[in-house]
Amino acid sequence: MKQKLTEGSVGWHLVKLTIPMIWGIFAVIAFSLIDTYFVAHLGTKPLAAMSFTFPVVSALGSLSLGLGVGASSVIARAIGEGNRTKVQRLTTDSLTLSLLIVGIFILIGLTSIKPLFTALGAEPDILPLIQDYMQIWYWGMIFLVVPMVGNSAIRASGNTQVPSLIMTVAAAINIALDPLFIFGLGGFPRLELQGAAIATVISRAMTLLASLLVLHYRERMLCFNLPKLQVVLKSWRNILHVGLPAAGTSLITPISIGLITSIIATYGPLAVAGFGIASRVESFALIVLVALSVVISPFVGQNWGAKKYHRVRQALSLSTLFCLFWGIVLAGILAPTAPWLASVFNSNPTVVAIAATYLVIVPISYAASGIILISSATFNALGKPLPSVVMILARMFILYVPLAYLGSRLFGINGIFFAACFSNLAVGVGAYIWNRIVCNLQAAKESQQPSLATVD
C-alpha cells in the first residue's frame, strides 16, 4: 500500500487534497440548499418542517461521519505502517460494522418520529409533514452511512479526487430529481416533501454502488475471505476506539442544535424557518474549512504511522494560519450580503431578518470554528479521541446551550446568536493552545529518542 502523503511539500499536499474535497463538499451542501430552495416554494410550513428535521438529519449524518473518522484513522495509520493486509481487513470490517449500526438506527428512527419532533417543539400541524419526509429518509439511511464510511476509507489512502467525484455525481442526480418528485414535473406525481426525501435516497444509493466499486477494483482495499470472529471483533474494537467517541462527538453538535431549535421554536415557525436558512448558508460558507479538516486526517494518520511527527506539526501550523485568513474573509463577505442571501430562500420579512441577523453575528467566530475542526480531526487521526470530545462538549453543552438559554431570556433571539459566537471563540482559543501543548510534548519525545529522527 503506497504511502502517498509522507514525502514532499506539506503545504502542497494539503492544497492538492483540499481542492477536490472542497468541490465534493460543495456538491453535497449545494443539493441540501437546492432541497431547501424547492421546498421553500411549497410554503412556510413545509420549510419549517424541513428545518425541524435538520438536527436529526445532521445527527445521523454525524453518526456516519464518526464511523468514517474511526475507519480513516486506523486505515491511514496502517497505510503509514505499510501493512496492506491490515488495511484490507480494517476497510472491510468498517463497512460491515456500519451496516450493523445503521440497521439499529433505522428501527429506532421509524418508531420515534412523533415523540422526538414533538419534543423538539414541532406544532401539531407541522408533524404530518415531518412524518412524510422522515419515514422515507430513515429507510435510505443505509445509502448514507455505508458509502460515507467507504469514501473515508478511500480518502485514507490519500485519494480525495474519487470521493469528491462520487459526491458531485450524487448531488447532480439529486438536483435533477428534486423538481420532478417535489412538483410533479415531467409526468411524475407531485409528492412535495416526500419527493424531496425520495430524490435524496436515490442519489445516495448511487454513492453506495460507486464507493464499493472503487474500493474493490481501483484501490484493492477489500477482502472477501471469511475471518475468525476474534479478528473481526478486534478490527471493530480498533475502529470504535476512535469511531465511537468521534461519532459521539459528532452527535453532540446536532443534539445541541436540536436544543437550540427548541428554544428558537418559542419565537414561532417563522423564527425556525429563518434559523434553518441561516444554518444551511453557514454550512455552505464553511465548506473550505470543513474540507481542510477532512483531509488533515489522512495526512496526519499516514505521517504519524510513518513516525514523521515534524510533518504533522507543520501541517497544523499551516492549517491554523489558513483558518484565521478564511474566517476573516467570510465575516467580511457575509455581513453586507446576509439580507440578500436570506431573501433568495424566502421573501417573508421576519424570516429574512432573523436569518440575516444570524449571518452577521456568528461569522465573527468562523476562524475559531475552523481551528476547532482542525484540532478535532487531528486528535482523532492520532487515535486520541478524548481531547476532541472534551472540546465539543465544552463548546456545546457547557457554553452554547446554557448561554443561548440565558441570552434568549435577556436579549431575545439575538442573544442566542451571540452565545454561538462566544462559544466558538472561547473553545477555538483553547483548541489552539491544546494542539500546541501536544506538539511540544511530541517534539520533546523526539529529542529524547534520536532513532525516530533517522526514520524521517
Protein backbone atom coordinates (compact mmCIF):
# COMPACT_ATOMS: atom_id res chain seq x y z
CA MET A 1 0.00 0.00 0.00
CA LYS A 2 1.67 3.20 -1.20
CA GLN A 3 2.28 5.93 1.38
CA LYS A 4 1.27 8.93 -0.73
CA LEU A 5 1.46 11.66 1.90
CA THR A 6 4.72 11.03 3.78
CA GLU A 7 7.06 12.71 1.27
CA GLY A 8 7.10 16.08 -0.47
CA SER A 9 5.85 19.54 0.45
CA VAL A 10 3.39 19.56 3.35
CA GLY A 11 1.59 22.66 2.12
CA TRP A 12 1.29 21.38 -1.44
CA HIS A 13 -0.11 18.04 -0.22
CA LEU A 14 -2.77 19.87 1.80
CA VAL A 15 -3.70 22.02 -1.19
CA LYS A 16 -3.94 19.02 -3.54
CA LEU A 17 -6.07 17.10 -1.06
CA THR A 18 -8.30 20.02 -0.10
CA ILE A 19 -9.27 21.38 -3.52
CA PRO A 20 -11.11 18.22 -4.68
CA MET A 21 -12.63 17.90 -1.23
CA ILE A 22 -13.97 21.47 -1.43
CA TRP A 23 -15.78 20.63 -4.63
CA GLY A 24 -17.17 17.38 -3.21
CA ILE A 25 -18.49 19.06 -0.07
CA PHE A 26 -19.78 21.97 -2.17
CA ALA A 27 -21.80 19.46 -4.18
CA VAL A 28 -23.29 17.92 -1.02
CA ILE A 29 -24.13 21.30 0.52
CA ALA A 30 -25.45 22.53 -2.81
CA PHE A 31 -28.08 19.82 -3.06
CA SER A 32 -29.05 20.50 0.55
CA LEU A 33 -29.52 24.16 -0.36
CA ILE A 34 -31.41 23.21 -3.52
CA ASP A 35 -33.68 21.00 -1.42
CA THR A 36 -34.35 23.98 0.83
CA TYR A 37 -34.93 26.25 -2.17
CA PHE A 38 -37.50 23.95 -3.79
CA VAL A 39 -39.27 23.14 -0.51
CA ALA A 40 -39.43 26.86 0.34
CA HIS A 41 -41.59 27.31 -2.77
CA LEU A 42 -44.14 24.94 -1.23
CA GLY A 43 -44.76 27.45 1.57
CA THR A 44 -43.60 28.40 5.06
CA LYS A 45 -44.98 25.28 6.78
CA PRO A 46 -43.09 22.77 4.60
CA LEU A 47 -39.95 24.89 5.03
CA ALA A 48 -40.42 24.91 8.81
CA ALA A 49 -40.98 21.12 8.72
CA MET A 50 -37.70 20.60 6.87
CA SER A 51 -35.96 22.95 9.30
CA PHE A 52 -37.16 20.77 12.19
CA THR A 53 -35.63 17.70 10.51
CA PHE A 54 -32.25 19.40 10.13
CA PRO A 55 -30.93 18.50 13.63
CA VAL A 56 -31.99 14.85 13.24
CA VAL A 57 -30.64 14.53 9.71
CA SER A 58 -27.43 16.17 10.90
CA ALA A 59 -27.26 13.79 13.88
CA LEU A 60 -27.46 10.70 11.69
CA GLY A 61 -25.04 12.26 9.23
CA SER A 62 -22.72 12.85 12.18
CA LEU A 63 -23.01 9.18 13.12
CA SER A 64 -21.84 8.30 9.62
CA LEU A 65 -19.07 10.86 9.86
CA GLY A 66 -17.92 9.45 13.20
CA LEU A 67 -17.71 5.92 11.87
CA GLY A 68 -15.85 7.26 8.85
CA VAL A 69 -13.40 9.11 11.09
CA GLY A 70 -12.69 5.94 13.05
CA ALA A 71 -12.16 3.94 9.89
CA SER A 72 -9.98 6.64 8.29
CA SER A 73 -7.84 6.95 11.43
CA VAL A 74 -6.91 3.29 11.71
CA ILE A 75 -6.66 2.72 7.94
CA ALA A 76 -4.40 5.75 7.34
CA ARG A 77 -2.05 4.69 10.13
CA ALA A 78 -1.97 1.14 8.75
CA ILE A 79 -1.06 2.60 5.34
CA GLY A 80 1.69 4.62 7.00
CA GLU A 81 3.00 1.39 8.52
CA GLY A 82 2.95 -0.24 5.07
CA ASN A 83 0.66 -3.12 6.17
CA ARG A 84 -1.61 -3.88 3.18
CA THR A 85 -3.32 -6.92 4.71
CA LYS A 86 -4.25 -4.90 7.78
CA VAL A 87 -5.59 -2.11 5.54
CA GLN A 88 -7.87 -4.52 3.67
CA ARG A 89 -9.12 -6.14 6.86
CA LEU A 90 -9.88 -2.81 8.52
CA THR A 91 -11.62 -1.42 5.43
CA THR A 92 -13.87 -4.45 5.02
CA ASP A 93 -14.71 -4.65 8.71
CA SER A 94 -15.52 -0.93 8.87
CA LEU A 95 -18.19 -1.43 6.19
CA THR A 96 -19.77 -4.43 7.94
CA LEU A 97 -19.77 -2.52 11.21
CA SER A 98 -21.52 0.48 9.64
CA LEU A 99 -24.13 -1.84 8.09
CA LEU A 100 -24.91 -3.36 11.50
CA ILE A 101 -25.19 0.00 13.23
CA VAL A 102 -27.37 1.58 10.56
CA GLY A 103 -29.91 -1.24 10.88
CA ILE A 104 -30.31 -0.46 14.57
CA PHE A 105 -30.81 3.24 13.94
CA ILE A 106 -33.40 2.68 11.22
CA LEU A 107 -35.58 0.79 13.70
CA ILE A 108 -35.13 3.44 16.39
CA GLY A 109 -35.83 6.29 13.98
CA LEU A 110 -39.00 4.90 12.46
CA THR A 111 -40.58 4.28 15.87
CA SER A 112 -39.72 7.67 17.38
CA ILE A 113 -40.70 10.25 14.75
CA LYS A 114 -43.72 11.76 16.52
CA PRO A 115 -42.40 11.90 20.12
CA LEU A 116 -38.97 13.11 19.03
CA PHE A 117 -40.15 16.02 16.90
CA THR A 118 -42.84 16.91 19.41
CA ALA A 119 -40.06 17.23 21.98
CA LEU A 120 -38.16 19.48 19.55
CA GLY A 121 -41.13 21.85 19.53
CA ALA A 122 -42.89 20.93 16.29
CA GLU A 123 -46.52 22.04 16.30
CA PRO A 124 -49.34 19.56 15.51
CA ASP A 125 -49.94 20.99 12.02
CA ILE A 126 -46.23 20.55 11.17
CA LEU A 127 -45.86 16.94 12.42
CA PRO A 128 -47.62 15.23 9.46
CA LEU A 129 -45.25 16.97 7.05
CA ILE A 130 -42.26 15.87 9.10
CA GLN A 131 -43.52 12.29 9.12
CA ASP A 132 -43.95 12.32 5.33
CA TYR A 133 -40.29 13.27 4.95
CA MET A 134 -38.62 11.19 7.67
CA GLN A 135 -40.44 7.90 7.04
CA ILE A 136 -38.76 7.74 3.64
CA TRP A 137 -35.48 9.30 4.72
CA TYR A 138 -34.91 6.76 7.52
CA TRP A 139 -35.19 3.83 5.11
CA GLY A 140 -32.49 5.43 2.98
CA MET A 141 -30.01 5.62 5.86
CA ILE A 142 -28.08 2.62 4.56
CA PHE A 143 -27.26 4.66 1.46
CA LEU A 144 -25.96 7.48 3.66
CA VAL A 145 -23.86 5.66 6.25
CA VAL A 146 -22.16 2.86 4.33
CA PRO A 147 -20.87 4.96 1.40
CA MET A 148 -19.69 7.70 3.77
CA VAL A 149 -17.54 5.14 5.58
CA GLY A 150 -16.39 3.77 2.22
CA ASN A 151 -15.39 7.23 0.98
CA SER A 152 -13.50 7.83 4.23
CA ALA A 153 -11.51 4.68 3.56
CA ILE A 154 -10.70 5.90 0.04
CA ARG A 155 -9.55 9.27 1.42
CA ALA A 156 -7.35 7.49 3.97
CA SER A 157 -5.29 6.23 1.02
CA GLY A 158 -4.63 9.84 0.00
CA ASN A 159 -7.23 9.88 -2.78
CA THR A 160 -9.70 12.76 -2.46
CA GLN A 161 -10.49 13.11 -6.16
CA VAL A 162 -12.64 9.99 -6.49
CA PRO A 163 -14.76 10.56 -3.33
CA SER A 164 -15.34 14.14 -4.49
CA LEU A 165 -16.42 12.93 -7.92
CA ILE A 166 -18.81 10.44 -6.33
CA MET A 167 -20.37 13.18 -4.18
CA THR A 168 -20.65 15.51 -7.17
CA VAL A 169 -22.48 12.94 -9.30
CA ALA A 170 -24.84 12.15 -6.41
CA ALA A 171 -25.58 15.87 -5.95
CA ALA A 172 -26.30 16.28 -9.66
CA ILE A 173 -28.74 13.36 -9.57
CA ASN A 174 -30.48 14.80 -6.50
CA ILE A 175 -30.78 18.28 -8.03
CA ALA A 176 -32.20 16.82 -11.25
CA LEU A 177 -34.77 14.67 -9.42
CA ASP A 178 -35.95 17.30 -6.90
CA PRO A 179 -38.28 19.30 -9.18
CA LEU A 180 -39.60 16.10 -10.76
CA PHE A 181 -40.67 14.49 -7.48
CA ILE A 182 -41.46 17.62 -5.44
CA PHE A 183 -43.59 19.47 -8.01
CA GLY A 184 -44.62 16.57 -10.26
CA LEU A 185 -42.89 17.81 -13.40
CA GLY A 186 -42.34 15.62 -16.46
CA GLY A 187 -45.28 13.36 -15.73
CA PHE A 188 -44.09 12.41 -12.23
CA PRO A 189 -46.56 12.54 -9.32
CA ARG A 190 -46.45 15.67 -7.13
CA LEU A 191 -45.06 14.34 -3.83
CA GLU A 192 -43.84 17.59 -2.20
CA LEU A 193 -41.77 16.80 0.95
CA GLN A 194 -41.92 13.07 0.24
CA GLY A 195 -40.50 13.78 -3.19
CA ALA A 196 -37.52 15.60 -1.66
CA ALA A 197 -36.82 12.55 0.52
CA ILE A 198 -37.13 10.12 -2.42
CA ALA A 199 -34.71 12.18 -4.53
CA THR A 200 -32.19 12.14 -1.68
CA VAL A 201 -32.44 8.37 -1.19
CA ILE A 202 -31.98 7.62 -4.91
CA SER A 203 -28.91 9.85 -5.17
CA ARG A 204 -27.37 8.32 -2.04
CA ALA A 205 -27.90 4.82 -3.46
CA MET A 206 -25.64 5.77 -6.36
CA THR A 207 -22.86 6.70 -3.92
CA LEU A 208 -23.08 3.29 -2.25
CA LEU A 209 -22.57 1.46 -5.54
CA ALA A 210 -19.77 3.76 -6.69
CA SER A 211 -17.77 3.67 -3.46
CA LEU A 212 -17.86 -0.13 -3.27
CA LEU A 213 -16.70 -0.44 -6.90
CA VAL A 214 -13.81 1.97 -6.32
CA LEU A 215 -12.72 0.27 -3.10
CA HIS A 216 -12.66 -3.14 -4.76
CA TYR A 217 -11.45 -2.55 -8.32
CA ARG A 218 -9.31 0.60 -8.05
CA GLU A 219 -7.88 0.76 -4.54
CA ARG A 220 -7.91 -3.00 -3.83
CA MET A 221 -8.85 -2.30 -0.23
CA LEU A 222 -11.49 -5.02 0.28
CA CYS A 223 -11.08 -8.67 1.15
CA PHE A 224 -13.70 -11.40 0.88
CA ASN A 225 -12.22 -14.23 2.89
CA LEU A 226 -14.26 -15.19 5.94
CA PRO A 227 -12.20 -14.21 9.01
CA LYS A 228 -12.42 -15.60 12.51
CA LEU A 229 -14.85 -13.82 14.80
CA GLN A 230 -11.99 -12.73 17.05
CA VAL A 231 -10.31 -10.99 14.11
CA VAL A 232 -13.46 -9.10 13.18
CA LEU A 233 -14.11 -8.10 16.79
CA LYS A 234 -10.53 -6.83 17.08
CA SER A 235 -10.97 -4.71 13.95
CA TRP A 236 -14.29 -3.36 15.21
CA ARG A 237 -12.71 -2.54 18.57
CA ASN A 238 -9.86 -0.63 16.90
CA ILE A 239 -12.28 1.26 14.68
CA LEU A 240 -14.66 2.05 17.53
CA HIS A 241 -11.81 3.18 19.80
CA VAL A 242 -11.73 6.31 17.66
CA GLY A 243 -15.04 5.96 15.81
CA LEU A 244 -17.32 5.71 18.84
CA PRO A 245 -16.02 8.86 20.56
CA ALA A 246 -15.88 10.58 17.15
CA ALA A 247 -19.48 9.57 16.43
CA GLY A 248 -20.49 10.72 19.90
CA THR A 249 -18.62 13.98 19.40
CA SER A 250 -20.25 14.46 16.01
CA LEU A 251 -23.66 13.81 17.57
CA ILE A 252 -23.10 16.48 20.21
CA THR A 253 -23.43 19.30 17.71
CA PRO A 254 -26.79 18.31 16.13
CA ILE A 255 -28.19 17.36 19.53
CA SER A 256 -27.29 20.77 20.87
CA ILE A 257 -28.67 22.38 17.68
CA GLY A 258 -31.87 20.46 18.38
CA LEU A 259 -31.99 22.07 21.82
CA ILE A 260 -31.27 25.45 20.27
CA THR A 261 -34.04 24.83 17.73
CA SER A 262 -36.47 24.13 20.58
CA ILE A 263 -35.50 27.47 22.17
CA ILE A 264 -35.94 29.28 18.86
CA ALA A 265 -39.28 27.50 18.33
CA THR A 266 -40.69 29.54 21.23
CA TYR A 267 -40.49 32.54 18.84
CA GLY A 268 -42.70 30.72 16.29
CA PRO A 269 -42.36 28.81 12.98
CA LEU A 270 -41.02 31.88 11.15
CA ALA A 271 -38.06 32.03 13.54
CA VAL A 272 -37.34 28.33 12.98
CA ALA A 273 -37.51 28.85 9.22
CA GLY A 274 -35.06 31.76 9.44
CA PHE A 275 -32.68 29.75 11.60
CA GLY A 276 -32.92 26.84 9.15
CA ILE A 277 -31.98 29.07 6.22
CA ALA A 278 -29.05 30.60 8.13
CA SER A 279 -27.80 27.15 9.15
CA ARG A 280 -27.73 25.98 5.55
CA VAL A 281 -25.98 29.12 4.34
CA GLU A 282 -23.47 28.63 7.15
CA SER A 283 -22.82 25.07 6.01
CA PHE A 284 -22.07 26.43 2.56
CA ALA A 285 -19.82 29.20 3.90
CA LEU A 286 -17.70 26.77 5.94
CA ILE A 287 -17.05 24.34 3.08
CA VAL A 288 -13.37 25.22 2.73
CA LEU A 289 -12.65 24.83 6.45
CA VAL A 290 -14.59 21.56 6.64
CA ALA A 291 -12.71 20.25 3.59
CA LEU A 292 -9.38 21.11 5.20
CA SER A 293 -10.37 19.32 8.42
CA VAL A 294 -11.40 16.24 6.42
CA VAL A 295 -8.09 15.96 4.54
CA ILE A 296 -5.94 16.71 7.57
CA SER A 297 -6.98 13.33 8.96
CA PRO A 298 -5.38 11.06 6.30
CA PHE A 299 -2.34 13.34 6.14
CA VAL A 300 -1.78 13.19 9.89
CA GLY A 301 -2.61 9.47 10.03
CA GLN A 302 -0.14 8.42 7.34
CA ASN A 303 2.68 10.59 8.69
CA TRP A 304 2.03 9.51 12.27
CA GLY A 305 2.10 5.86 11.21
CA ALA A 306 5.40 6.54 9.39
CA LYS A 307 6.71 8.35 12.51
CA LYS A 308 7.18 11.65 10.68
CA TYR A 309 5.94 13.82 13.50
CA HIS A 310 7.53 17.07 12.28
CA ARG A 311 5.30 16.96 9.20
CA VAL A 312 2.24 16.71 11.46
CA ARG A 313 3.30 19.82 13.38
CA GLN A 314 3.94 21.73 10.17
CA ALA A 315 0.52 20.77 8.77
CA LEU A 316 -1.19 22.04 11.93
CA SER A 317 0.64 25.39 11.80
CA LEU A 318 -0.28 25.97 8.15
CA SER A 319 -3.90 24.94 8.75
CA THR A 320 -4.29 27.32 11.70
CA LEU A 321 -2.99 30.28 9.69
CA PHE A 322 -5.38 29.46 6.87
CA CYS A 323 -8.36 29.24 9.26
CA LEU A 324 -7.61 32.75 10.53
CA PHE A 325 -7.38 34.12 6.99
CA TRP A 326 -10.51 32.39 5.70
CA GLY A 327 -12.59 33.26 8.75
CA ILE A 328 -11.88 36.97 8.28
CA VAL A 329 -12.80 36.72 4.58
CA LEU A 330 -16.12 35.01 5.35
CA ALA A 331 -17.12 37.53 8.01
CA GLY A 332 -16.35 40.38 5.62
CA ILE A 333 -18.45 38.87 2.81
CA LEU A 334 -21.49 37.72 4.80
CA ALA A 335 -22.09 40.88 6.84
CA PRO A 336 -23.20 43.06 3.88
CA THR A 337 -24.83 40.28 1.82
CA ALA A 338 -26.79 38.47 4.55
CA PRO A 339 -30.23 40.03 3.81
CA TRP A 340 -29.94 39.27 0.11
CA LEU A 341 -28.82 35.68 0.73
CA ALA A 342 -31.74 35.06 3.09
CA SER A 343 -34.25 36.56 0.65
CA VAL A 344 -33.18 34.08 -2.02
CA PHE A 345 -34.82 31.32 0.03
CA ASN A 346 -37.83 33.11 1.48
CA SER A 347 -39.40 36.54 0.97
CA ASN A 348 -41.10 36.75 4.37
CA PRO A 349 -39.57 39.84 6.10
CA THR A 350 -39.42 38.15 9.51
CA VAL A 351 -37.69 35.06 8.15
CA VAL A 352 -35.20 37.21 6.22
CA ALA A 353 -34.47 39.43 9.24
CA ILE A 354 -33.74 36.50 11.56
CA ALA A 355 -31.54 34.67 9.06
CA ALA A 356 -29.66 37.88 8.20
CA THR A 357 -29.02 38.72 11.87
CA TYR A 358 -27.55 35.27 12.43
CA LEU A 359 -25.27 35.66 9.40
CA VAL A 360 -23.95 38.98 10.69
CA ILE A 361 -23.20 37.88 14.27
CA VAL A 362 -21.99 34.27 14.14
CA PRO A 363 -19.45 34.54 11.25
CA ILE A 364 -17.23 36.64 13.53
CA SER A 365 -16.26 33.30 15.10
CA TYR A 366 -15.79 31.23 11.92
CA ALA A 367 -11.97 31.30 12.17
CA ALA A 368 -12.24 29.77 15.64
CA SER A 369 -14.70 27.18 14.31
CA GLY A 370 -12.13 26.16 11.71
CA ILE A 371 -9.43 25.76 14.35
CA ILE A 372 -11.77 23.55 16.38
CA LEU A 373 -12.46 21.40 13.30
CA ILE A 374 -8.75 21.02 12.52
CA SER A 375 -7.87 20.20 16.13
CA SER A 376 -10.64 17.64 16.46
CA ALA A 377 -9.70 15.91 13.18
CA THR A 378 -6.03 15.82 14.18
CA PHE A 379 -6.61 14.25 17.58
CA ASN A 380 -8.90 11.63 16.03
CA ALA A 381 -6.33 10.83 13.35
CA LEU A 382 -3.75 10.25 16.07
CA GLY A 383 -6.03 7.76 17.80
CA LYS A 384 -6.56 10.23 20.68
CA PRO A 385 -10.32 10.98 20.61
CA LEU A 386 -10.66 12.29 24.19
CA PRO A 387 -9.48 15.88 23.52
CA SER A 388 -11.97 16.16 20.67
CA VAL A 389 -14.80 15.01 22.92
CA VAL A 390 -13.82 17.50 25.62
CA MET A 391 -13.62 20.41 23.17
CA ILE A 392 -17.01 19.78 21.58
CA LEU A 393 -18.69 19.13 24.93
CA ALA A 394 -17.30 22.37 26.28
CA ARG A 395 -18.41 24.35 23.25
CA MET A 396 -21.94 22.97 23.04
CA PHE A 397 -23.18 21.87 26.46
CA ILE A 398 -21.03 23.92 28.83
CA LEU A 399 -21.14 27.17 26.84
CA TYR A 400 -23.52 27.34 23.86
CA VAL A 401 -26.77 25.81 25.15
CA PRO A 402 -26.72 27.41 28.65
CA LEU A 403 -25.64 30.79 27.26
CA ALA A 404 -28.27 30.57 24.50
CA TYR A 405 -30.99 29.99 27.08
CA LEU A 406 -29.71 32.88 29.19
CA GLY A 407 -29.20 35.12 26.16
CA SER A 408 -32.72 34.38 24.94
CA ARG A 409 -34.15 35.46 28.27
CA LEU A 410 -32.10 38.65 28.40
CA PHE A 411 -31.76 39.78 24.78
CA GLY A 412 -34.30 37.78 22.78
CA ILE A 413 -33.35 35.70 19.75
CA ASN A 414 -30.19 37.77 19.14
CA GLY A 415 -28.87 36.56 22.48
CA ILE A 416 -28.89 33.01 21.08
CA PHE A 417 -26.72 34.07 18.15
CA PHE A 418 -24.25 35.92 20.38
CA ALA A 419 -23.98 32.78 22.52
CA ALA A 420 -22.98 30.76 19.44
CA CYS A 421 -20.31 33.33 18.55
CA PHE A 422 -18.79 33.48 22.04
CA SER A 423 -18.74 29.68 22.41
CA ASN A 424 -16.83 29.25 19.15
CA LEU A 425 -14.27 31.92 20.06
CA ALA A 426 -13.61 30.60 23.56
CA VAL A 427 -13.17 26.95 22.57
CA GLY A 428 -11.21 27.87 19.44
CA VAL A 429 -8.55 29.57 21.57
CA GLY A 430 -8.46 26.56 23.89
CA ALA A 431 -8.13 24.15 20.96
CA TYR A 432 -5.17 26.08 19.57
CA ILE A 433 -3.37 26.02 22.92
CA TRP A 434 -4.09 22.31 23.41
CA ASN A 435 -2.67 21.50 19.98
CA ARG A 436 0.49 23.48 20.72
CA ILE A 437 0.98 21.61 24.00
CA VAL A 438 0.61 18.20 22.34
CA CYS A 439 3.02 19.17 19.55
CA ASN A 440 5.60 20.42 22.03
CA LEU A 441 5.33 17.23 24.07
CA GLN A 442 5.86 15.16 20.94
CA ALA A 443 8.84 17.34 19.99
CA ALA A 444 10.37 16.68 23.40
CA LYS A 445 9.75 12.97 22.98
CA GLU A 446 11.52 13.00 19.62
CA SER A 447 14.53 14.79 21.07
CA GLN A 448 14.82 12.07 23.71
CA GLN A 449 14.57 9.31 21.05
CA PRO A 450 17.16 10.06 18.32
CA SER A 451 16.24 6.89 16.48
CA LEU A 452 12.96 8.48 15.44
CA ALA A 453 14.80 11.19 13.55
CA THR A 454 16.51 8.63 11.35
CA VAL A 455 13.11 7.45 10.13
CA ASP A 456 12.48 10.88 8.58
